[in-house]
mmCIF file of all heavy atoms, coordinates in Angstrom:
data_MODEL
# 
_entry.id   MODEL 
# 
loop_
_atom_site.group_PDB 
_atom_site.id 
_atom_site.type_symbol 
_atom_site.label_atom_id 
_atom_site.label_alt_id 
_atom_site.label_comp_id 
_atom_site.label_asym_id 
_atom_site.label_entity_id 
_atom_site.label_seq_id 
_atom_site.pdbx_PDB_ins_code 
_atom_site.Cartn_x 
_atom_site.Cartn_y 
_atom_site.Cartn_z 
_atom_site.occupancy 
_atom_site.B_iso_or_equiv 
_atom_site.pdbx_formal_charge 
_atom_site.auth_seq_id 
_atom_site.auth_comp_id 
_atom_site.auth_asym_id 
_atom_site.auth_atom_id 
_atom_site.pdbx_PDB_model_num 
ATOM 1   N N   . ILE A 1 1  ? -33.605 17.772 19.384 1.00 0.00 ? 1  ILE A N   1 
ATOM 2   C CA  . ILE A 1 1  ? -32.141 17.845 19.484 1.00 0.00 ? 1  ILE A CA  1 
ATOM 3   C C   . ILE A 1 1  ? -31.473 17.269 18.281 1.00 0.00 ? 1  ILE A C   1 
ATOM 4   O O   . ILE A 1 1  ? -30.495 17.988 17.730 1.00 0.00 ? 1  ILE A O   1 
ATOM 5   C CB  . ILE A 1 1  ? -31.729 17.097 20.773 1.00 0.00 ? 1  ILE A CB  1 
ATOM 6   C CG1 . ILE A 1 1  ? -32.082 17.855 22.051 1.00 0.00 ? 1  ILE A CG1 1 
ATOM 7   C CG2 . ILE A 1 1  ? -30.179 16.856 20.747 1.00 0.00 ? 1  ILE A CG2 1 
ATOM 8   C CD1 . ILE A 1 1  ? -31.748 17.156 23.316 1.00 0.00 ? 1  ILE A CD1 1 
ATOM 9   N N   . VAL A 1 2  ? -31.866 16.089 17.875 1.00 0.00 ? 2  VAL A N   1 
ATOM 10  C CA  . VAL A 1 2  ? -31.112 15.391 16.663 1.00 0.00 ? 2  VAL A CA  1 
ATOM 11  C C   . VAL A 1 2  ? -31.475 16.131 15.430 1.00 0.00 ? 2  VAL A C   1 
ATOM 12  O O   . VAL A 1 2  ? -30.555 16.200 14.488 1.00 0.00 ? 2  VAL A O   1 
ATOM 13  C CB  . VAL A 1 2  ? -31.617 13.925 16.688 1.00 0.00 ? 2  VAL A CB  1 
ATOM 14  C CG1 . VAL A 1 2  ? -31.186 13.144 17.971 1.00 0.00 ? 2  VAL A CG1 1 
ATOM 15  C CG2 . VAL A 1 2  ? -32.958 13.692 16.187 1.00 0.00 ? 2  VAL A CG2 1 
ATOM 16  N N   . VAL A 1 3  ? -32.666 16.749 15.172 1.00 0.00 ? 3  VAL A N   1 
ATOM 17  C CA  . VAL A 1 3  ? -32.897 17.445 14.020 1.00 0.00 ? 3  VAL A CA  1 
ATOM 18  C C   . VAL A 1 3  ? -31.941 18.730 13.892 1.00 0.00 ? 3  VAL A C   1 
ATOM 19  O O   . VAL A 1 3  ? -31.313 19.026 12.937 1.00 0.00 ? 3  VAL A O   1 
ATOM 20  C CB  . VAL A 1 3  ? -34.357 17.981 13.825 1.00 0.00 ? 3  VAL A CB  1 
ATOM 21  C CG1 . VAL A 1 3  ? -34.470 18.904 12.677 1.00 0.00 ? 3  VAL A CG1 1 
ATOM 22  C CG2 . VAL A 1 3  ? -35.251 16.813 13.567 1.00 0.00 ? 3  VAL A CG2 1 
ATOM 23  N N   . LEU A 1 4  ? -31.869 19.514 15.015 1.00 0.00 ? 4  LEU A N   1 
ATOM 24  C CA  . LEU A 1 4  ? -30.983 20.633 15.143 1.00 0.00 ? 4  LEU A CA  1 
ATOM 25  C C   . LEU A 1 4  ? -29.541 20.235 14.910 1.00 0.00 ? 4  LEU A C   1 
ATOM 26  O O   . LEU A 1 4  ? -28.808 20.955 14.221 1.00 0.00 ? 4  LEU A O   1 
ATOM 27  C CB  . LEU A 1 4  ? -31.325 21.369 16.400 1.00 0.00 ? 4  LEU A CB  1 
ATOM 28  C CG  . LEU A 1 4  ? -32.507 21.991 16.677 1.00 0.00 ? 4  LEU A CG  1 
ATOM 29  C CD1 . LEU A 1 4  ? -32.665 22.647 18.032 1.00 0.00 ? 4  LEU A CD1 1 
ATOM 30  C CD2 . LEU A 1 4  ? -32.806 23.084 15.576 1.00 0.00 ? 4  LEU A CD2 1 
ATOM 31  N N   . ALA A 1 5  ? -29.105 19.096 15.567 1.00 0.00 ? 5  ALA A N   1 
ATOM 32  C CA  . ALA A 1 5  ? -27.758 18.618 15.482 1.00 0.00 ? 5  ALA A CA  1 
ATOM 33  C C   . ALA A 1 5  ? -27.458 18.260 13.956 1.00 0.00 ? 5  ALA A C   1 
ATOM 34  O O   . ALA A 1 5  ? -26.359 18.411 13.524 1.00 0.00 ? 5  ALA A O   1 
ATOM 35  C CB  . ALA A 1 5  ? -27.432 17.544 16.524 1.00 0.00 ? 5  ALA A CB  1 
ATOM 36  N N   . GLY A 1 6  ? -28.424 17.538 13.373 1.00 0.00 ? 6  GLY A N   1 
ATOM 37  C CA  . GLY A 1 6  ? -28.251 17.245 11.977 1.00 0.00 ? 6  GLY A CA  1 
ATOM 38  C C   . GLY A 1 6  ? -28.101 18.484 11.005 1.00 0.00 ? 6  GLY A C   1 
ATOM 39  O O   . GLY A 1 6  ? -27.308 18.351 10.125 1.00 0.00 ? 6  GLY A O   1 
ATOM 40  N N   . ILE A 1 7  ? -28.835 19.409 11.319 1.00 0.00 ? 7  ILE A N   1 
ATOM 41  C CA  . ILE A 1 7  ? -28.689 20.694 10.574 1.00 0.00 ? 7  ILE A CA  1 
ATOM 42  C C   . ILE A 1 7  ? -27.305 21.244 10.646 1.00 0.00 ? 7  ILE A C   1 
ATOM 43  O O   . ILE A 1 7  ? -26.558 21.600 9.719  1.00 0.00 ? 7  ILE A O   1 
ATOM 44  C CB  . ILE A 1 7  ? -29.598 21.880 10.953 1.00 0.00 ? 7  ILE A CB  1 
ATOM 45  C CG1 . ILE A 1 7  ? -31.109 21.384 10.618 1.00 0.00 ? 7  ILE A CG1 1 
ATOM 46  C CG2 . ILE A 1 7  ? -29.361 23.138 10.332 1.00 0.00 ? 7  ILE A CG2 1 
ATOM 47  C CD1 . ILE A 1 7  ? -32.193 22.348 11.189 1.00 0.00 ? 7  ILE A CD1 1 
ATOM 48  N N   . VAL A 1 8  ? -26.718 21.196 11.894 1.00 0.00 ? 8  VAL A N   1 
ATOM 49  C CA  . VAL A 1 8  ? -25.323 21.610 12.069 1.00 0.00 ? 8  VAL A CA  1 
ATOM 50  C C   . VAL A 1 8  ? -24.364 20.785 11.446 1.00 0.00 ? 8  VAL A C   1 
ATOM 51  O O   . VAL A 1 8  ? -23.303 21.188 10.847 1.00 0.00 ? 8  VAL A O   1 
ATOM 52  C CB  . VAL A 1 8  ? -25.075 21.766 13.629 1.00 0.00 ? 8  VAL A CB  1 
ATOM 53  C CG1 . VAL A 1 8  ? -23.525 22.100 13.870 1.00 0.00 ? 8  VAL A CG1 1 
ATOM 54  C CG2 . VAL A 1 8  ? -25.856 22.748 14.300 1.00 0.00 ? 8  VAL A CG2 1 
ATOM 55  N N   . ARG A 1 9  ? -24.514 19.456 11.468 1.00 0.00 ? 9  ARG A N   1 
ATOM 56  C CA  . ARG A 1 9  ? -23.759 18.461 10.864 1.00 0.00 ? 9  ARG A CA  1 
ATOM 57  C C   . ARG A 1 9  ? -23.739 18.686 9.328  1.00 0.00 ? 9  ARG A C   1 
ATOM 58  O O   . ARG A 1 9  ? -22.690 18.624 8.659  1.00 0.00 ? 9  ARG A O   1 
ATOM 59  C CB  . ARG A 1 9  ? -24.197 17.057 11.195 1.00 0.00 ? 9  ARG A CB  1 
ATOM 60  C CG  . ARG A 1 9  ? -23.511 15.985 10.386 1.00 0.00 ? 9  ARG A CG  1 
ATOM 61  C CD  . ARG A 1 9  ? -22.097 15.816 10.816 1.00 0.00 ? 9  ARG A CD  1 
ATOM 62  N NE  . ARG A 1 9  ? -21.707 14.313 10.850 1.00 0.00 ? 9  ARG A NE  1 
ATOM 63  C CZ  . ARG A 1 9  ? -21.160 13.692 9.743  1.00 0.00 ? 9  ARG A CZ  1 
ATOM 64  N NH1 . ARG A 1 9  ? -20.948 14.383 8.661  1.00 0.00 ? 9  ARG A NH1 1 
ATOM 65  N NH2 . ARG A 1 9  ? -20.747 12.423 9.876  1.00 0.00 ? 9  ARG A NH2 1 
ATOM 66  N N   . GLY A 1 10 ? -24.814 18.913 8.735  1.00 0.00 ? 10 GLY A N   1 
ATOM 67  C CA  . GLY A 1 10 ? -24.956 19.022 7.314  1.00 0.00 ? 10 GLY A CA  1 
ATOM 68  C C   . GLY A 1 10 ? -24.180 20.332 6.826  1.00 0.00 ? 10 GLY A C   1 
ATOM 69  O O   . GLY A 1 10 ? -23.601 20.367 5.775  1.00 0.00 ? 10 GLY A O   1 
ATOM 70  N N   . PHE A 1 11 ? -24.269 21.373 7.666  1.00 0.00 ? 11 PHE A N   1 
ATOM 71  C CA  . PHE A 1 11 ? -23.629 22.766 7.408  1.00 0.00 ? 11 PHE A CA  1 
ATOM 72  C C   . PHE A 1 11 ? -22.211 22.644 7.631  1.00 0.00 ? 11 PHE A C   1 
ATOM 73  O O   . PHE A 1 11 ? -21.407 23.057 6.799  1.00 0.00 ? 11 PHE A O   1 
ATOM 74  C CB  . PHE A 1 11 ? -24.338 23.724 8.308  1.00 0.00 ? 11 PHE A CB  1 
ATOM 75  C CG  . PHE A 1 11 ? -23.819 25.109 8.024  1.00 0.00 ? 11 PHE A CG  1 
ATOM 76  C CD1 . PHE A 1 11 ? -23.889 25.756 6.830  1.00 0.00 ? 11 PHE A CD1 1 
ATOM 77  C CD2 . PHE A 1 11 ? -23.078 25.726 9.025  1.00 0.00 ? 11 PHE A CD2 1 
ATOM 78  C CE1 . PHE A 1 11 ? -23.435 27.075 6.586  1.00 0.00 ? 11 PHE A CE1 1 
ATOM 79  C CE2 . PHE A 1 11 ? -22.559 27.036 8.738  1.00 0.00 ? 11 PHE A CE2 1 
ATOM 80  C CZ  . PHE A 1 11 ? -22.799 27.687 7.643  1.00 0.00 ? 11 PHE A CZ  1 
ATOM 81  N N   . SER A 1 12 ? -21.771 22.076 8.822  1.00 0.00 ? 12 SER A N   1 
ATOM 82  C CA  . SER A 1 12 ? -20.319 22.283 9.129  1.00 0.00 ? 12 SER A CA  1 
ATOM 83  C C   . SER A 1 12 ? -19.503 21.027 8.846  1.00 0.00 ? 12 SER A C   1 
ATOM 84  O O   . SER A 1 12 ? -18.237 21.144 8.610  1.00 0.00 ? 12 SER A O   1 
ATOM 85  C CB  . SER A 1 12 ? -20.311 22.567 10.675 1.00 0.00 ? 12 SER A CB  1 
ATOM 86  O OG  . SER A 1 12 ? -20.605 21.366 11.430 1.00 0.00 ? 12 SER A OG  1 
ATOM 87  N N   . GLY A 1 13 ? -20.243 19.790 8.716  1.00 0.00 ? 13 GLY A N   1 
ATOM 88  C CA  . GLY A 1 13 ? -19.480 18.627 8.514  1.00 0.00 ? 13 GLY A CA  1 
ATOM 89  C C   . GLY A 1 13 ? -19.123 17.957 9.861  1.00 0.00 ? 13 GLY A C   1 
ATOM 90  O O   . GLY A 1 13 ? -18.647 16.783 9.695  1.00 0.00 ? 13 GLY A O   1 
ATOM 91  N N   . PHE A 1 14 ? -19.374 18.530 10.983 1.00 0.00 ? 14 PHE A N   1 
ATOM 92  C CA  . PHE A 1 14 ? -19.051 17.842 12.184 1.00 0.00 ? 14 PHE A CA  1 
ATOM 93  C C   . PHE A 1 14 ? -20.189 18.384 13.292 1.00 0.00 ? 14 PHE A C   1 
ATOM 94  O O   . PHE A 1 14 ? -20.980 19.086 12.975 1.00 0.00 ? 14 PHE A O   1 
ATOM 95  C CB  . PHE A 1 14 ? -17.700 18.007 12.633 1.00 0.00 ? 14 PHE A CB  1 
ATOM 96  C CG  . PHE A 1 14 ? -17.345 19.393 13.082 1.00 0.00 ? 14 PHE A CG  1 
ATOM 97  C CD1 . PHE A 1 14 ? -17.115 19.770 14.477 1.00 0.00 ? 14 PHE A CD1 1 
ATOM 98  C CD2 . PHE A 1 14 ? -17.062 20.369 12.189 1.00 0.00 ? 14 PHE A CD2 1 
ATOM 99  C CE1 . PHE A 1 14 ? -16.852 20.989 14.800 1.00 0.00 ? 14 PHE A CE1 1 
ATOM 100 C CE2 . PHE A 1 14 ? -16.694 21.680 12.460 1.00 0.00 ? 14 PHE A CE2 1 
ATOM 101 C CZ  . PHE A 1 14 ? -16.596 21.957 13.803 1.00 0.00 ? 14 PHE A CZ  1 
ATOM 102 N N   . ALA A 1 15 ? -19.916 17.960 14.495 1.00 0.00 ? 15 ALA A N   1 
ATOM 103 C CA  . ALA A 1 15 ? -20.554 18.470 15.725 1.00 0.00 ? 15 ALA A CA  1 
ATOM 104 C C   . ALA A 1 15 ? -21.858 17.884 15.962 1.00 0.00 ? 15 ALA A C   1 
ATOM 105 O O   . ALA A 1 15 ? -22.618 18.153 16.925 1.00 0.00 ? 15 ALA A O   1 
ATOM 106 C CB  . ALA A 1 15 ? -20.735 20.028 15.648 1.00 0.00 ? 15 ALA A CB  1 
ATOM 107 N N   . LEU A 1 16 ? -22.286 16.872 15.145 1.00 0.00 ? 16 LEU A N   1 
ATOM 108 C CA  . LEU A 1 16 ? -23.532 16.053 15.395 1.00 0.00 ? 16 LEU A CA  1 
ATOM 109 C C   . LEU A 1 16 ? -23.517 15.496 16.896 1.00 0.00 ? 16 LEU A C   1 
ATOM 110 O O   . LEU A 1 16 ? -24.298 15.590 17.775 1.00 0.00 ? 16 LEU A O   1 
ATOM 111 C CB  . LEU A 1 16 ? -23.829 15.122 14.374 1.00 0.00 ? 16 LEU A CB  1 
ATOM 112 C CG  . LEU A 1 16 ? -24.913 14.029 14.661 1.00 0.00 ? 16 LEU A CG  1 
ATOM 113 C CD1 . LEU A 1 16 ? -26.296 14.712 14.826 1.00 0.00 ? 16 LEU A CD1 1 
ATOM 114 C CD2 . LEU A 1 16 ? -25.007 13.103 13.490 1.00 0.00 ? 16 LEU A CD2 1 
ATOM 115 N N   . SER A 1 17 ? -22.522 14.591 16.976 1.00 0.00 ? 17 SER A N   1 
ATOM 116 C CA  . SER A 1 17 ? -22.348 13.840 18.197 1.00 0.00 ? 17 SER A CA  1 
ATOM 117 C C   . SER A 1 17 ? -22.036 14.733 19.390 1.00 0.00 ? 17 SER A C   1 
ATOM 118 O O   . SER A 1 17 ? -22.559 14.508 20.552 1.00 0.00 ? 17 SER A O   1 
ATOM 119 C CB  . SER A 1 17 ? -21.108 12.875 18.146 1.00 0.00 ? 17 SER A CB  1 
ATOM 120 O OG  . SER A 1 17 ? -21.570 11.726 17.217 1.00 0.00 ? 17 SER A OG  1 
ATOM 121 N N   . ALA A 1 18 ? -21.218 15.829 19.180 1.00 0.00 ? 18 ALA A N   1 
ATOM 122 C CA  . ALA A 1 18 ? -20.918 16.766 20.222 1.00 0.00 ? 18 ALA A CA  1 
ATOM 123 C C   . ALA A 1 18 ? -22.159 17.456 20.753 1.00 0.00 ? 18 ALA A C   1 
ATOM 124 O O   . ALA A 1 18 ? -22.358 17.615 21.992 1.00 0.00 ? 18 ALA A O   1 
ATOM 125 C CB  . ALA A 1 18 ? -19.853 17.672 19.848 1.00 0.00 ? 18 ALA A CB  1 
ATOM 126 N N   . LEU A 1 19 ? -22.992 17.929 19.830 1.00 0.00 ? 19 LEU A N   1 
ATOM 127 C CA  . LEU A 1 19 ? -24.176 18.625 20.165 1.00 0.00 ? 19 LEU A CA  1 
ATOM 128 C C   . LEU A 1 19 ? -25.280 17.685 20.934 1.00 0.00 ? 19 LEU A C   1 
ATOM 129 O O   . LEU A 1 19 ? -25.861 18.078 21.887 1.00 0.00 ? 19 LEU A O   1 
ATOM 130 C CB  . LEU A 1 19 ? -24.856 19.245 18.900 1.00 0.00 ? 19 LEU A CB  1 
ATOM 131 C CG  . LEU A 1 19 ? -24.257 20.548 18.503 1.00 0.00 ? 19 LEU A CG  1 
ATOM 132 C CD1 . LEU A 1 19 ? -24.866 20.817 17.092 1.00 0.00 ? 19 LEU A CD1 1 
ATOM 133 C CD2 . LEU A 1 19 ? -24.586 21.655 19.446 1.00 0.00 ? 19 LEU A CD2 1 
ATOM 134 N N   . VAL A 1 20 ? -25.261 16.465 20.461 1.00 0.00 ? 20 VAL A N   1 
ATOM 135 C CA  . VAL A 1 20 ? -26.312 15.586 21.008 1.00 0.00 ? 20 VAL A CA  1 
ATOM 136 C C   . VAL A 1 20 ? -25.798 15.139 22.449 1.00 0.00 ? 20 VAL A C   1 
ATOM 137 O O   . VAL A 1 20 ? -26.509 15.190 23.449 1.00 0.00 ? 20 VAL A O   1 
ATOM 138 C CB  . VAL A 1 20 ? -26.521 14.390 20.206 1.00 0.00 ? 20 VAL A CB  1 
ATOM 139 C CG1 . VAL A 1 20 ? -27.319 13.302 20.966 1.00 0.00 ? 20 VAL A CG1 1 
ATOM 140 C CG2 . VAL A 1 20 ? -27.214 14.672 18.851 1.00 0.00 ? 20 VAL A CG2 1 
ATOM 141 N N   . MET A 1 21 ? -24.390 14.883 22.561 1.00 0.00 ? 21 MET A N   1 
ATOM 142 C CA  . MET A 1 21 ? -23.867 14.483 23.881 1.00 0.00 ? 21 MET A CA  1 
ATOM 143 C C   . MET A 1 21 ? -24.030 15.664 24.839 1.00 0.00 ? 21 MET A C   1 
ATOM 144 O O   . MET A 1 21 ? -24.205 15.475 26.005 1.00 0.00 ? 21 MET A O   1 
ATOM 145 C CB  . MET A 1 21 ? -22.375 14.097 23.593 1.00 0.00 ? 21 MET A CB  1 
ATOM 146 C CG  . MET A 1 21 ? -21.756 13.550 24.821 1.00 0.00 ? 21 MET A CG  1 
ATOM 147 S SD  . MET A 1 21 ? -22.393 11.941 25.264 1.00 0.00 ? 21 MET A SD  1 
ATOM 148 C CE  . MET A 1 21 ? -21.589 10.876 24.092 1.00 0.00 ? 21 MET A CE  1 
ATOM 149 N N   . ALA A 1 22 ? -23.903 16.846 24.403 1.00 0.00 ? 22 ALA A N   1 
ATOM 150 C CA  . ALA A 1 22 ? -23.979 18.072 25.277 1.00 0.00 ? 22 ALA A CA  1 
ATOM 151 C C   . ALA A 1 22 ? -25.252 18.313 25.803 1.00 0.00 ? 22 ALA A C   1 
ATOM 152 O O   . ALA A 1 22 ? -25.371 18.858 26.908 1.00 0.00 ? 22 ALA A O   1 
ATOM 153 C CB  . ALA A 1 22 ? -23.456 19.305 24.545 1.00 0.00 ? 22 ALA A CB  1 
ATOM 154 N N   . THR A 1 23 ? -26.301 17.852 25.095 1.00 0.00 ? 23 THR A N   1 
ATOM 155 C CA  . THR A 1 23 ? -27.713 18.158 25.465 1.00 0.00 ? 23 THR A CA  1 
ATOM 156 C C   . THR A 1 23 ? -28.450 16.924 25.925 1.00 0.00 ? 23 THR A C   1 
ATOM 157 O O   . THR A 1 23 ? -29.109 16.977 26.912 1.00 0.00 ? 23 THR A O   1 
ATOM 158 C CB  . THR A 1 23 ? -28.403 18.924 24.281 1.00 0.00 ? 23 THR A CB  1 
ATOM 159 O OG1 . THR A 1 23 ? -28.308 18.109 23.082 1.00 0.00 ? 23 THR A OG1 1 
ATOM 160 C CG2 . THR A 1 23 ? -27.879 20.244 24.141 1.00 0.00 ? 23 THR A CG2 1 
ATOM 161 N N   . ALA A 1 24 ? -28.346 15.935 25.209 1.00 0.00 ? 24 ALA A N   1 
ATOM 162 C CA  . ALA A 1 24 ? -29.136 14.651 25.485 1.00 0.00 ? 24 ALA A CA  1 
ATOM 163 C C   . ALA A 1 24 ? -28.539 13.849 26.671 1.00 0.00 ? 24 ALA A C   1 
ATOM 164 O O   . ALA A 1 24 ? -29.193 12.960 27.239 1.00 0.00 ? 24 ALA A O   1 
ATOM 165 C CB  . ALA A 1 24 ? -29.193 13.635 24.229 1.00 0.00 ? 24 ALA A CB  1 
ATOM 166 N N   . VAL A 1 25 ? -27.400 14.256 27.155 1.00 0.00 ? 25 VAL A N   1 
ATOM 167 C CA  . VAL A 1 25 ? -26.829 13.562 28.283 1.00 0.00 ? 25 VAL A CA  1 
ATOM 168 C C   . VAL A 1 25 ? -27.644 13.892 29.542 1.00 0.00 ? 25 VAL A C   1 
ATOM 169 O O   . VAL A 1 25 ? -27.554 13.085 30.547 1.00 0.00 ? 25 VAL A O   1 
ATOM 170 C CB  . VAL A 1 25 ? -25.319 14.176 28.525 1.00 0.00 ? 25 VAL A CB  1 
ATOM 171 C CG1 . VAL A 1 25 ? -25.381 15.500 29.091 1.00 0.00 ? 25 VAL A CG1 1 
ATOM 172 C CG2 . VAL A 1 25 ? -24.490 13.168 29.416 1.00 0.00 ? 25 VAL A CG2 1 
ATOM 173 N N   . ILE A 1 26 ? -28.489 14.757 29.554 1.00 0.00 ? 26 ILE A N   1 
ATOM 174 C CA  . ILE A 1 26 ? -29.420 15.055 30.670 1.00 0.00 ? 26 ILE A CA  1 
ATOM 175 C C   . ILE A 1 26 ? -30.520 13.970 30.645 1.00 0.00 ? 26 ILE A C   1 
ATOM 176 O O   . ILE A 1 26 ? -31.245 13.858 31.681 1.00 0.00 ? 26 ILE A O   1 
ATOM 177 C CB  . ILE A 1 26 ? -29.957 16.464 30.683 1.00 0.00 ? 26 ILE A CB  1 
ATOM 178 C CG1 . ILE A 1 26 ? -30.887 16.646 29.452 1.00 0.00 ? 26 ILE A CG1 1 
ATOM 179 C CG2 . ILE A 1 26 ? -29.002 17.509 30.877 1.00 0.00 ? 26 ILE A CG2 1 
ATOM 180 C CD1 . ILE A 1 26 ? -31.607 18.032 29.462 1.00 0.00 ? 26 ILE A CD1 1 
ATOM 181 N N   . ILE A 1 27 ? -30.791 13.250 29.577 1.00 0.00 ? 27 ILE A N   1 
ATOM 182 C CA  . ILE A 1 27 ? -31.745 12.216 29.444 1.00 0.00 ? 27 ILE A CA  1 
ATOM 183 C C   . ILE A 1 27 ? -31.166 10.825 29.513 1.00 0.00 ? 27 ILE A C   1 
ATOM 184 O O   . ILE A 1 27 ? -31.654 9.963  30.168 1.00 0.00 ? 27 ILE A O   1 
ATOM 185 C CB  . ILE A 1 27 ? -32.561 12.421 28.111 1.00 0.00 ? 27 ILE A CB  1 
ATOM 186 C CG1 . ILE A 1 27 ? -33.268 13.778 28.181 1.00 0.00 ? 27 ILE A CG1 1 
ATOM 187 C CG2 . ILE A 1 27 ? -33.605 11.249 27.932 1.00 0.00 ? 27 ILE A CG2 1 
ATOM 188 C CD1 . ILE A 1 27 ? -33.964 14.092 26.837 1.00 0.00 ? 27 ILE A CD1 1 
ATOM 189 N N   . LEU A 1 28 ? -30.061 10.697 28.726 1.00 0.00 ? 28 LEU A N   1 
ATOM 190 C CA  . LEU A 1 28 ? -29.479 9.333  28.742 1.00 0.00 ? 28 LEU A CA  1 
ATOM 191 C C   . LEU A 1 28 ? -27.908 9.500  29.038 1.00 0.00 ? 28 LEU A C   1 
ATOM 192 O O   . LEU A 1 28 ? -27.346 10.536 28.563 1.00 0.00 ? 28 LEU A O   1 
ATOM 193 C CB  . LEU A 1 28 ? -29.458 8.767  27.302 1.00 0.00 ? 28 LEU A CB  1 
ATOM 194 C CG  . LEU A 1 28 ? -30.889 8.396  26.882 1.00 0.00 ? 28 LEU A CG  1 
ATOM 195 C CD1 . LEU A 1 28 ? -30.942 8.067  25.321 1.00 0.00 ? 28 LEU A CD1 1 
ATOM 196 C CD2 . LEU A 1 28 ? -31.580 7.230  27.585 1.00 0.00 ? 28 LEU A CD2 1 
ATOM 197 N N   . PRO A 1 29 ? -27.314 8.464  29.697 1.00 0.00 ? 29 PRO A N   1 
ATOM 198 C CA  . PRO A 1 29 ? -25.890 8.628  29.997 1.00 0.00 ? 29 PRO A CA  1 
ATOM 199 C C   . PRO A 1 29 ? -25.032 8.362  28.727 1.00 0.00 ? 29 PRO A C   1 
ATOM 200 O O   . PRO A 1 29 ? -25.517 7.867  27.846 1.00 0.00 ? 29 PRO A O   1 
ATOM 201 C CB  . PRO A 1 29 ? -25.707 7.372  30.881 1.00 0.00 ? 29 PRO A CB  1 
ATOM 202 C CG  . PRO A 1 29 ? -26.742 6.475  30.637 1.00 0.00 ? 29 PRO A CG  1 
ATOM 203 C CD  . PRO A 1 29 ? -28.005 7.272  30.242 1.00 0.00 ? 29 PRO A CD  1 
# 
């Protein structure tokens, strides 16, 4: 998840936290 989110962050400049929060929330609150 974090590698893919990092790719999006590097490309777009944002969305790292949003992507991780949208997916990793099923593992951690």
